[in-house]
Amino acid sequence: MAANAQKSAEKPAEMPALRDNIETLVELKHAKMKYQVIADMTNIATGTSQGISAPTAYYLSHNEDARAMTVNHLAQQQQVNTMQIYAETSKNINEWA
């Protein structure tokens, strides 16, 4: 009986530590997701994006301004890429002639 009383006395003391660990884990996960969004947005801005993560997709789906800026930036990058290909192709054709 004394062992059970001792165990129940230990459990309330463990709860605040467990709660602190859970809160720390939640903060860590939040920071990791925030970092992933920032990294994805940086990669999009620099033209090195190979896709976006789930946290970034969620962020963009709930942030109209960020989504519009991202779509506009990707469209501009596509136009620049198309113009560069056109210029390179035109240069090659002129060199052939």
Protein backbone atom coordinates (compact mmCIF):
# COMPACT_ATOMS: atom_id res chain seq x y z
CA MET A 1 0.00 0.00 0.00
CA ALA A 2 2.85 2.38 0.81
CA ALA A 3 4.35 1.76 -2.65
CA ASN A 4 1.11 2.85 -4.32
CA ALA A 5 0.97 6.00 -2.21
CA GLN A 6 4.55 6.80 -3.16
CA LYS A 7 3.84 6.29 -6.89
CA SER A 8 0.78 8.54 -6.82
CA ALA A 9 2.80 11.21 -5.02
CA GLU A 10 5.45 11.09 -7.77
CA LYS A 11 3.02 11.43 -10.69
CA PRO A 12 1.87 15.01 -9.98
CA ALA A 13 5.50 16.08 -9.75
CA GLU A 14 6.21 14.49 -13.14
CA MET A 15 3.27 16.21 -14.87
CA PRO A 16 4.75 19.75 -15.01
CA ALA A 17 7.98 18.35 -16.47
CA LEU A 18 6.00 16.39 -19.06
CA ARG A 19 3.92 19.47 -19.87
CA ASP A 20 7.11 21.52 -20.29
CA ASN A 21 8.54 18.87 -22.61
CA ILE A 22 5.38 18.84 -24.70
CA GLU A 23 5.36 22.63 -24.94
CA THR A 24 9.02 22.59 -25.95
CA LEU A 25 8.29 19.99 -28.62
CA VAL A 26 5.38 22.03 -29.98
CA GLU A 27 7.56 25.15 -30.10
CA LEU A 28 10.31 23.19 -31.87
CA LYS A 29 7.88 21.80 -34.46
CA HIS A 30 6.44 25.28 -35.02
CA ALA A 31 9.91 26.75 -35.52
CA LYS A 32 10.83 23.93 -37.93
CA MET A 33 7.71 24.52 -40.03
CA LYS A 34 8.32 28.28 -40.02
CA TYR A 35 11.92 27.70 -41.15
CA GLN A 36 10.70 25.39 -43.94
CA VAL A 37 8.28 28.03 -45.21
CA ILE A 38 11.03 30.66 -45.19
CA ALA A 39 13.45 28.31 -46.95
CA ASP A 40 10.87 27.42 -49.61
CA MET A 41 9.96 31.06 -50.19
CA THR A 42 13.66 31.97 -50.46
CA ASN A 43 14.20 29.19 -52.99
CA ILE A 44 11.23 30.43 -55.01
CA ALA A 45 12.55 34.00 -54.92
CA THR A 46 16.02 32.94 -56.05
CA GLY A 47 14.74 30.60 -58.74
CA THR A 48 16.20 27.46 -57.17
CA SER A 49 12.92 25.93 -56.04
CA GLN A 50 12.36 22.26 -56.78
CA GLY A 51 8.89 22.36 -55.24
CA ILE A 52 7.33 23.35 -51.95
CA SER A 53 6.73 21.55 -48.69
CA ALA A 54 3.40 20.89 -47.03
CA PRO A 55 3.83 23.75 -44.52
CA THR A 56 4.52 26.17 -47.41
CA ALA A 57 1.49 24.93 -49.33
CA TYR A 58 -0.64 25.46 -46.22
CA TYR A 59 0.83 28.93 -45.69
CA LEU A 60 0.19 29.94 -49.30
CA SER A 61 -3.32 28.51 -49.25
CA HIS A 62 -4.18 30.74 -46.29
CA ASN A 63 -2.29 33.90 -47.30
CA GLU A 64 -3.71 35.60 -50.38
CA ASP A 65 -0.95 38.22 -50.70
CA ALA A 66 1.89 35.69 -50.41
CA ARG A 67 0.18 33.40 -52.91
CA ALA A 68 -0.30 36.22 -55.42
CA MET A 69 3.32 37.36 -55.07
CA THR A 70 4.57 33.78 -55.47
CA VAL A 71 2.49 33.17 -58.59
CA ASN A 72 3.60 36.50 -60.10
CA HIS A 73 7.25 35.78 -59.34
CA LEU A 74 7.06 32.30 -60.84
CA ALA A 75 5.39 33.74 -63.96
CA GLN A 76 8.17 36.32 -64.29
CA GLN A 77 10.81 33.61 -63.90
CA GLN A 78 9.11 31.59 -66.63
CA GLN A 79 9.11 34.62 -68.94
CA VAL A 80 12.81 35.24 -68.28
CA ASN A 81 13.61 31.57 -68.95
CA THR A 82 11.61 31.68 -72.20
CA MET A 83 13.40 34.85 -73.33
CA GLN A 84 16.80 33.34 -72.52
CA ILE A 85 15.97 30.21 -74.53
CA TYR A 86 14.74 32.38 -77.43
CA ALA A 87 17.91 34.51 -77.35
CA GLU A 88 20.15 31.42 -77.23
CA THR A 89 18.22 29.74 -80.05
CA SER A 90 18.34 32.91 -82.18
CA LYS A 91 22.09 33.21 -81.60
CA ASN A 92 22.63 29.59 -82.64
CA ILE A 93 20.53 30.03 -85.79
CA ASN A 94 22.47 33.19 -86.74
CA GLU A 95 25.76 31.35 -86.24
CA TRP A 96 24.59 28.56 -88.55
CA ALA A 97 23.72 30.96 -91.34
